[in-house]
Amino acid sequence: MYDNIILNYSTYMSTLSVPLTPKLEEFINAQVKSGRAANKADVVRRALIAMTEEEAIQEILLAQKEIREGKGLKGDLRELIKLV
């Protein structure tokens, strides 16, 4: 099954056709029917936002781990910028 998904980035909008399993389509429809989302596109936008937030969290956790392992940089910020 294909659904048109509209993504809104400021004033630019892109439409995607995404193949969905019946289970995913049921989930999306249930989210809309329950009022958790305004429409199908809203469900997909929220899922994408959640994925980007999860990715950011994982990057932060990795950076914290590297700092604990002594892999972080220390020193004058102006000098450190020159190393990057």
PDB file of N, CA and C in Angstrom:
ATOM      1  N   MET A   1       0.846  -1.175   0.000  1.00  0.00           N
ATOM      2  CA  MET A   1       0.000   0.000   0.000  1.00  0.00           C
ATOM      3  C   MET A   1       0.892   1.240   0.000  1.00  0.00           C
ATOM      4  N   TYR A   2       0.553   2.225  -0.806  1.00  0.00           N
ATOM      5  CA  TYR A   2       1.298   3.468  -0.869  1.00  0.00           C
ATOM      6  C   TYR A   2       0.451   4.598  -0.306  1.00  0.00           C
ATOM      7  N   ASP A   3       1.073   5.449   0.467  1.00  0.00           N
ATOM      8  CA  ASP A   3       0.403   6.631   0.984  1.00  0.00           C
ATOM      9  C   ASP A   3       1.248   7.837   0.634  1.00  0.00           C
ATOM     10  N   ASN A   4       0.608   8.933   0.331  1.00  0.00           N
ATOM     11  CA  ASN A   4       1.341  10.173   0.117  1.00  0.00           C
ATOM     12  C   ASN A   4       1.588  10.812   1.463  1.00  0.00           C
ATOM     13  N   ILE A   5       2.853  11.056   1.765  1.00  0.00           N
ATOM     14  CA  ILE A   5       3.248  11.655   3.021  1.00  0.00           C
ATOM     15  C   ILE A   5       3.796  13.043   2.706  1.00  0.00           C
ATOM     16  N   ILE A   6       3.285  14.052   3.375  1.00  0.00           N
ATOM     17  CA  ILE A   6       3.740  15.417   3.145  1.00  0.00           C
ATOM     18  C   ILE A   6       4.599  15.845   4.320  1.00  0.00           C
ATOM     19  N   LEU A   7       5.823  16.252   4.021  1.00  0.00           N
ATOM     20  CA  LEU A   7       6.745  16.733   5.031  1.00  0.00           C
ATOM     21  C   LEU A   7       6.855  18.242   4.887  1.00  0.00           C
ATOM     22  N   ASN A   8       6.755  18.954   5.992  1.00  0.00           N
ATOM     23  CA  ASN A   8       6.787  20.406   5.961  1.00  0.00           C
ATOM     24  C   ASN A   8       8.081  20.911   6.583  1.00  0.00           C
ATOM     25  N   TYR A   9       8.917  21.532   5.800  1.00  0.00           N
ATOM     26  CA  TYR A   9      10.142  22.165   6.277  1.00  0.00           C
ATOM     27  C   TYR A   9      10.017  23.637   5.947  1.00  0.00           C
ATOM     28  N   SER A  10       9.640  24.446   6.937  1.00  0.00           N
ATOM     29  CA  SER A  10       9.399  25.875   6.734  1.00  0.00           C
ATOM     30  C   SER A  10       8.359  26.039   5.632  1.00  0.00           C
ATOM     31  N   THR A  11       8.777  26.627   4.517  1.00  0.00           N
ATOM     32  CA  THR A  11       7.835  26.845   3.427  1.00  0.00           C
ATOM     33  C   THR A  11       7.969  25.777   2.348  1.00  0.00           C
ATOM     34  N   TYR A  12       9.009  24.972   2.410  1.00  0.00           N
ATOM     35  CA  TYR A  12       9.213  23.937   1.406  1.00  0.00           C
ATOM     36  C   TYR A  12       8.507  22.660   1.831  1.00  0.00           C
ATOM     37  N   MET A  13       7.719  22.093   0.933  1.00  0.00           N
ATOM     38  CA  MET A  13       7.044  20.846   1.246  1.00  0.00           C
ATOM     39  C   MET A  13       7.388  19.817   0.187  1.00  0.00           C
ATOM     40  N   SER A  14       7.621  18.617   0.635  1.00  0.00           N
ATOM     41  CA  SER A  14       7.944  17.516  -0.255  1.00  0.00           C
ATOM     42  C   SER A  14       6.939  16.398  -0.024  1.00  0.00           C
ATOM     43  N   THR A  15       6.527  15.764  -1.080  1.00  0.00           N
ATOM     44  CA  THR A  15       5.593  14.656  -0.972  1.00  0.00           C
ATOM     45  C   THR A  15       6.326  13.365  -1.314  1.00  0.00           C
ATOM     46  N   LEU A  16       6.151  12.365  -0.454  1.00  0.00           N
ATOM     47  CA  LEU A  16       6.771  11.064  -0.669  1.00  0.00           C
ATOM     48  C   LEU A  16       5.695   9.996  -0.744  1.00  0.00           C
ATOM     49  N   SER A  17       5.916   9.024  -1.591  1.00  0.00           N
ATOM     50  CA  SER A  17       5.065   7.839  -1.583  1.00  0.00           C
ATOM     51  C   SER A  17       5.853   6.752  -0.883  1.00  0.00           C
ATOM     52  N   VAL A  18       5.282   6.220   0.175  1.00  0.00           N
ATOM     53  CA  VAL A  18       6.002   5.272   1.017  1.00  0.00           C
ATOM     54  C   VAL A  18       5.237   3.953   1.075  1.00  0.00           C
ATOM     55  N   PRO A  19       5.885   2.846   0.706  1.00  0.00           N
ATOM     56  CA  PRO A  19       5.211   1.556   0.863  1.00  0.00           C
ATOM     57  C   PRO A  19       5.118   1.200   2.343  1.00  0.00           C
ATOM     58  N   LEU A  20       3.938   0.809   2.771  1.00  0.00           N
ATOM     59  CA  LEU A  20       3.707   0.481   4.177  1.00  0.00           C
ATOM     60  C   LEU A  20       3.187  -0.949   4.293  1.00  0.00           C
ATOM     61  N   THR A  21       3.635  -1.624   5.324  1.00  0.00           N
ATOM     62  CA  THR A  21       3.053  -2.930   5.618  1.00  0.00           C
ATOM     63  C   THR A  21       1.644  -2.695   6.159  1.00  0.00           C
ATOM     64  N   PRO A  22       0.784  -3.682   6.067  1.00  0.00           N
ATOM     65  CA  PRO A  22      -0.562  -3.511   6.625  1.00  0.00           C
ATOM     66  C   PRO A  22      -0.529  -3.155   8.116  1.00  0.00           C
ATOM     67  N   LYS A  23       0.423  -3.719   8.845  1.00  0.00           N
ATOM     68  CA  LYS A  23       0.521  -3.429  10.277  1.00  0.00           C
ATOM     69  C   LYS A  23       0.863  -1.961  10.520  1.00  0.00           C
ATOM     70  N   LEU A  24       1.802  -1.418   9.733  1.00  0.00           N
ATOM     71  CA  LEU A  24       2.151  -0.006   9.879  1.00  0.00           C
ATOM     72  C   LEU A  24       0.979   0.896   9.493  1.00  0.00           C
ATOM     73  N   GLU A  25       0.282   0.526   8.439  1.00  0.00           N
ATOM     74  CA  GLU A  25      -0.874   1.317   8.027  1.00  0.00           C
ATOM     75  C   GLU A  25      -1.943   1.309   9.123  1.00  0.00           C
ATOM     76  N   GLU A  26      -2.170   0.166   9.741  1.00  0.00           N
ATOM     77  CA  GLU A  26      -3.126   0.071  10.849  1.00  0.00           C
ATOM     78  C   GLU A  26      -2.693   0.964  12.008  1.00  0.00           C
ATOM     79  N   PHE A  27      -1.390   0.941  12.310  1.00  0.00           N
ATOM     80  CA  PHE A  27      -0.878   1.774  13.399  1.00  0.00           C
ATOM     81  C   PHE A  27      -1.114   3.246  13.099  1.00  0.00           C
ATOM     82  N   ILE A  28      -0.782   3.666  11.893  1.00  0.00           N
ATOM     83  CA  ILE A  28      -0.954   5.070  11.510  1.00  0.00           C
ATOM     84  C   ILE A  28      -2.423   5.460  11.604  1.00  0.00           C
ATOM     85  N   ASN A  29      -3.285   4.630  11.053  1.00  0.00           N
ATOM     86  CA  ASN A  29      -4.722   4.927  11.099  1.00  0.00           C
ATOM     87  C   ASN A  29      -5.224   4.999  12.539  1.00  0.00           C
ATOM     88  N   ALA A  30      -4.722   4.126  13.399  1.00  0.00           N
ATOM     89  CA  ALA A  30      -5.139   4.129  14.806  1.00  0.00           C
ATOM     90  C   ALA A  30      -4.693   5.413  15.502  1.00  0.00           C
ATOM     91  N   GLN A  31      -3.508   5.909  15.169  1.00  0.00           N
ATOM     92  CA  GLN A  31      -3.015   7.156  15.770  1.00  0.00           C
ATOM     93  C   GLN A  31      -3.910   8.321  15.386  1.00  0.00           C
ATOM     94  N   VAL A  32      -4.329   8.354  14.131  1.00  0.00           N
ATOM     95  CA  VAL A  32      -5.212   9.431  13.666  1.00  0.00           C
ATOM     96  C   VAL A  32      -6.588   9.286  14.307  1.00  0.00           C
ATOM     97  N   LYS A  33      -7.127   8.067  14.291  1.00  0.00           N
ATOM     98  CA  LYS A  33      -8.460   7.828  14.829  1.00  0.00           C
ATOM     99  C   LYS A  33      -8.536   8.171  16.324  1.00  0.00           C
ATOM    100  N   SER A  34      -7.450   7.884  17.060  1.00  0.00           N
ATOM    101  CA  SER A  34      -7.447   8.145  18.495  1.00  0.00           C
ATOM    102  C   SER A  34      -7.249   9.629  18.824  1.00  0.00           C
ATOM    103  N   GLY A  35      -6.875  10.409  17.815  1.00  0.00           N
ATOM    104  CA  GLY A  35      -6.640  11.829  18.043  1.00  0.00           C
ATOM    105  C   GLY A  35      -5.211  12.167  18.435  1.00  0.00           C
ATOM    106  N   ARG A  36      -4.341  11.163  18.502  1.00  0.00           N
ATOM    107  CA  ARG A  36      -2.933  11.426  18.841  1.00  0.00           C
ATOM    108  C   ARG A  36      -2.219  12.184  17.742  1.00  0.00           C
ATOM    109  N   ALA A  37      -2.741  12.086  16.519  1.00  0.00           N
ATOM    110  CA  ALA A  37      -2.151  12.797  15.386  1.00  0.00           C
ATOM    111  C   ALA A  37      -3.284  13.372  14.545  1.00  0.00           C
ATOM    112  N   ALA A  38      -2.995  14.471  13.883  1.00  0.00           N
ATOM    113  CA  ALA A  38      -4.018  15.153  13.088  1.00  0.00           C
ATOM    114  C   ALA A  38      -4.351  14.386  11.812  1.00  0.00           C
ATOM    115  N   ASN A  39      -3.329  13.752  11.235  1.00  0.00           N
ATOM    116  CA  ASN A  39      -3.511  13.016   9.989  1.00  0.00           C
ATOM    117  C   ASN A  39      -2.330  12.065   9.797  1.00  0.00           C
ATOM    118  N   LYS A  40      -2.330  11.333   8.690  1.00  0.00           N
ATOM    119  CA  LYS A  40      -1.267  10.354   8.446  1.00  0.00           C
ATOM    120  C   LYS A  40       0.102  11.013   8.357  1.00  0.00           C
ATOM    121  N   ALA A  41       0.160  12.152   7.686  1.00  0.00           N
ATOM    122  CA  ALA A  41       1.443  12.849   7.554  1.00  0.00           C
ATOM    123  C   ALA A  41       1.970  13.276   8.916  1.00  0.00           C
ATOM    124  N   ASP A  42       1.081  13.663   9.807  1.00  0.00           N
ATOM    125  CA  ASP A  42       1.484  14.068  11.152  1.00  0.00           C
ATOM    126  C   ASP A  42       2.126  12.895  11.895  1.00  0.00           C
ATOM    127  N   VAL A  43       1.575  11.709  11.720  1.00  0.00           N
ATOM    128  CA  VAL A  43       2.157  10.520  12.357  1.00  0.00           C
ATOM    129  C   VAL A  43       3.586  10.305  11.862  1.00  0.00           C
ATOM    130  N   VAL A  44       3.771  10.403  10.552  1.00  0.00           N
ATOM    131  CA  VAL A  44       5.103  10.185   9.976  1.00  0.00           C
ATOM    132  C   VAL A  44       6.070  11.280  10.410  1.00  0.00           C
ATOM    133  N   ARG A  45       5.616  12.529  10.402  1.00  0.00           N
ATOM    134  CA  ARG A  45       6.489  13.631  10.849  1.00  0.00           C
ATOM    135  C   ARG A  45       6.935  13.411  12.289  1.00  0.00           C
ATOM    136  N   ARG A  46       5.985  13.020  13.150  1.00  0.00           N
ATOM    137  CA  ARG A  46       6.331  12.780  14.558  1.00  0.00           C
ATOM    138  C   ARG A  46       7.334  11.636  14.690  1.00  0.00           C
ATOM    139  N   ALA A  47       7.161  10.604  13.885  1.00  0.00           N
ATOM    140  CA  ALA A  47       8.103   9.470  13.929  1.00  0.00           C
ATOM    141  C   ALA A  47       9.498   9.918  13.497  1.00  0.00           C
ATOM    142  N   LEU A  48       9.568  10.731  12.461  1.00  0.00           N
ATOM    143  CA  LEU A  48      10.868  11.217  11.989  1.00  0.00           C
ATOM    144  C   LEU A  48      11.524  12.132  13.020  1.00  0.00           C
ATOM    145  N   ILE A  49      10.726  12.977  13.643  1.00  0.00           N
ATOM    146  CA  ILE A  49      11.264  13.838  14.695  1.00  0.00           C
ATOM    147  C   ILE A  49      11.804  13.000  15.840  1.00  0.00           C
ATOM    148  N   ALA A  50      11.045  11.976  16.240  1.00  0.00           N
ATOM    149  CA  ALA A  50      11.497  11.097  17.326  1.00  0.00           C
ATOM    150  C   ALA A  50      12.802  10.402  16.943  1.00  0.00           C
ATOM    151  N   MET A  51      12.932   9.991  15.693  1.00  0.00           N
ATOM    152  CA  MET A  51      14.171   9.343  15.252  1.00  0.00           C
ATOM    153  C   MET A  51      15.348  10.309  15.299  1.00  0.00           C
ATOM    154  N   THR A  52      15.141  11.546  14.860  1.00  0.00           N
ATOM    155  CA  THR A  52      16.248  12.512  14.894  1.00  0.00           C
ATOM    156  C   THR A  52      16.633  12.851  16.328  1.00  0.00           C
ATOM    157  N   GLU A  53      15.634  12.935  17.217  1.00  0.00           N
ATOM    158  CA  GLU A  53      15.935  13.193  18.625  1.00  0.00           C
ATOM    159  C   GLU A  53      16.697  12.022  19.234  1.00  0.00           C
ATOM    160  N   GLU A  54      16.301  10.804  18.914  1.00  0.00           N
ATOM    161  CA  GLU A  54      16.997   9.617  19.428  1.00  0.00           C
ATOM    162  C   GLU A  54      18.437   9.582  18.919  1.00  0.00           C
ATOM    163  N   GLU A  55      18.631   9.938  17.657  1.00  0.00           N
ATOM    164  CA  GLU A  55      19.983   9.973  17.100  1.00  0.00           C
ATOM    165  C   GLU A  55      20.847  11.005  17.834  1.00  0.00           C
ATOM    166  N   ALA A  56      20.282  12.167  18.118  1.00  0.00           N
ATOM    167  CA  ALA A  56      21.020  13.210  18.845  1.00  0.00           C
ATOM    168  C   ALA A  56      21.383  12.732  20.242  1.00  0.00           C
ATOM    169  N   ILE A  57      20.447  12.059  20.904  1.00  0.00           N
ATOM    170  CA  ILE A  57      20.720  11.525  22.243  1.00  0.00           C
ATOM    171  C   ILE A  57      21.859  10.514  22.189  1.00  0.00           C
ATOM    172  N   GLN A  58      21.837   9.634  21.205  1.00  0.00           N
ATOM    173  CA  GLN A  58      22.896   8.631  21.077  1.00  0.00           C
ATOM    174  C   GLN A  58      24.255   9.294  20.847  1.00  0.00           C
ATOM    175  N   GLU A  59      24.294  10.370  20.059  1.00  0.00           N
ATOM    176  CA  GLU A  59      25.547  11.093  19.824  1.00  0.00           C
ATOM    177  C   GLU A  59      26.067  11.724  21.114  1.00  0.00           C
ATOM    178  N   ILE A  60      25.168  12.268  21.911  1.00  0.00           N
ATOM    179  CA  ILE A  60      25.563  12.858  23.193  1.00  0.00           C
ATOM    180  C   ILE A  60      26.100  11.785  24.135  1.00  0.00           C
ATOM    181  N   LEU A  61      25.397  10.650  24.197  1.00  0.00           N
ATOM    182  CA  LEU A  61      25.853   9.557  25.060  1.00  0.00           C
ATOM    183  C   LEU A  61      27.226   9.048  24.635  1.00  0.00           C
ATOM    184  N   LEU A  62      27.442   8.959  23.330  1.00  0.00           N
ATOM    185  CA  LEU A  62      28.743   8.530  22.830  1.00  0.00           C
ATOM    186  C   LEU A  62      29.822   9.541  23.210  1.00  0.00           C
ATOM    187  N   ALA A  63      29.524  10.825  23.073  1.00  0.00           N
ATOM    188  CA  ALA A  63      30.495  11.862  23.436  1.00  0.00           C
ATOM    189  C   ALA A  63      30.816  11.801  24.928  1.00  0.00           C
ATOM    190  N   GLN A  64      29.795  11.582  25.765  1.00  0.00           N
ATOM    191  CA  GLN A  64      30.022  11.475  27.206  1.00  0.00           C
ATOM    192  C   GLN A  64      30.906  10.268  27.513  1.00  0.00           C
ATOM    193  N   LYS A  65      30.679   9.163  26.821  1.00  0.00           N
ATOM    194  CA  LYS A  65      31.491   7.954  27.021  1.00  0.00           C
ATOM    195  C   LYS A  65      32.940   8.233  26.634  1.00  0.00           C
ATOM    196  N   GLU A  66      33.136   8.898  25.499  1.00  0.00           N
ATOM    197  CA  GLU A  66      34.492   9.208  25.046  1.00  0.00           C
ATOM    198  C   GLU A  66      35.202  10.123  26.038  1.00  0.00           C
ATOM    199  N   ILE A  67      34.485  11.062  26.614  1.00  0.00           N
ATOM    200  CA  ILE A  67      35.087  11.955  27.615  1.00  0.00           C
ATOM    201  C   ILE A  67      35.498  11.154  28.840  1.00  0.00           C
ATOM    202  N   ARG A  68      34.620  10.243  29.298  1.00  0.00           N
ATOM    203  CA  ARG A  68      34.959   9.397  30.450  1.00  0.00           C
ATOM    204  C   ARG A  68      36.190   8.546  30.168  1.00  0.00           C
ATOM    205  N   GLU A  69      36.355   8.148  28.907  1.00  0.00           N
ATOM    206  CA  GLU A  69      37.501   7.324  28.523  1.00  0.00           C
ATOM    207  C   GLU A  69      38.747   8.160  28.254  1.00  0.00           C
ATOM    208  N   GLY A  70      38.658   9.458  28.471  1.00  0.00           N
ATOM    209  CA  GLY A  70      39.814  10.324  28.283  1.00  0.00           C
ATOM    210  C   GLY A  70      40.067  10.715  26.840  1.00  0.00           C
ATOM    211  N   LYS A  71      39.087  10.533  25.978  1.00  0.00           N
ATOM    212  CA  LYS A  71      39.273  10.854  24.563  1.00  0.00           C
ATOM    213  C   LYS A  71      38.866  12.287  24.234  1.00  0.00           C
ATOM    214  N   GLY A  72      38.421  13.036  25.231  1.00  0.00           N
ATOM    215  CA  GLY A  72      38.009  14.421  25.009  1.00  0.00           C
ATOM    216  C   GLY A  72      39.208  15.338  24.875  1.00  0.00           C
ATOM    217  N   LEU A  73      38.963  16.523  24.359  1.00  0.00           N
ATOM    218  CA  LEU A  73      40.015  17.521  24.223  1.00  0.00           C
ATOM    219  C   LEU A  73      39.940  18.494  25.393  1.00  0.00           C
ATOM    220  N   LYS A  74      41.104  18.928  25.862  1.00  0.00           N
ATOM    221  CA  LYS A  74      41.183  19.914  26.934  1.00  0.00           C
ATOM    222  C   LYS A  74      42.128  21.017  26.504  1.00  0.00           C
ATOM    223  N   GLY A  75      41.829  22.214  26.964  1.00  0.00           N
ATOM    224  CA  GLY A  75      42.728  23.316  26.663  1.00  0.00           C
ATOM    225  C   GLY A  75      41.998  24.559  26.228  1.00  0.00           C
ATOM    226  N   ASP A  76      42.766  25.488  25.698  1.00  0.00           N
ATOM    227  CA  ASP A  76      42.245  26.767  25.236  1.00  0.00           C
ATOM    228  C   ASP A  76      41.402  26.531  23.979  1.00  0.00           C
ATOM    229  N   LEU A  77      40.183  27.030  23.980  1.00  0.00           N
ATOM    230  CA  LEU A  77      39.272  26.811  22.867  1.00  0.00           C
ATOM    231  C   LEU A  77      39.838  27.331  21.553  1.00  0.00           C
ATOM    232  N   ARG A  78      40.499  28.486  21.584  1.00  0.00           N
ATOM    233  CA  ARG A  78      41.079  29.042  20.357  1.00  0.00           C
ATOM    234  C   ARG A  78      42.137  28.115  19.779  1.00  0.00           C
ATOM    235  N   GLU A  79      42.904  27.474  20.638  1.00  0.00           N
ATOM    236  CA  GLU A  79      43.930  26.540  20.162  1.00  0.00           C
ATOM    237  C   GLU A  79      43.317  25.230  19.684  1.00  0.00           C
ATOM    238  N   LEU A  80      42.276  24.785  20.371  1.00  0.00           N
ATOM    239  CA  LEU A  80      41.608  23.549  19.982  1.00  0.00           C
ATOM    240  C   LEU A  80      40.936  23.672  18.622  1.00  0.00           C
ATOM    241  N   ILE A  81      40.372  24.839  18.345  1.00  0.00           N
ATOM    242  CA  ILE A  81      39.726  25.074  17.043  1.00  0.00           C
ATOM    243  C   ILE A  81      40.720  24.901  15.907  1.00  0.00           C
ATOM    244  N   LYS A  82      41.957  25.286  16.135  1.00  0.00           N
ATOM    245  CA  LYS A  82      42.978  25.151  15.106  1.00  0.00           C
ATOM    246  C   LYS A  82      43.258  23.687  14.772  1.00  0.00           C
ATOM    247  N   LEU A  83      42.983  22.785  15.716  1.00  0.00           N
ATOM    248  CA  LEU A  83      43.230  21.365  15.495  1.00  0.00           C
ATOM    249  C   LEU A  83      42.131  20.690  14.672  1.00  0.00           C
ATOM    250  N   VAL A  84      40.992  21.347  14.634  1.00  0.00           N
ATOM    251  CA  VAL A  84      39.822  20.728  13.945  1.00  0.00           C
ATOM    252  C   VAL A  84      39.846  20.975  12.481  1.00  0.00           C
TER     253      VAL A  84
END
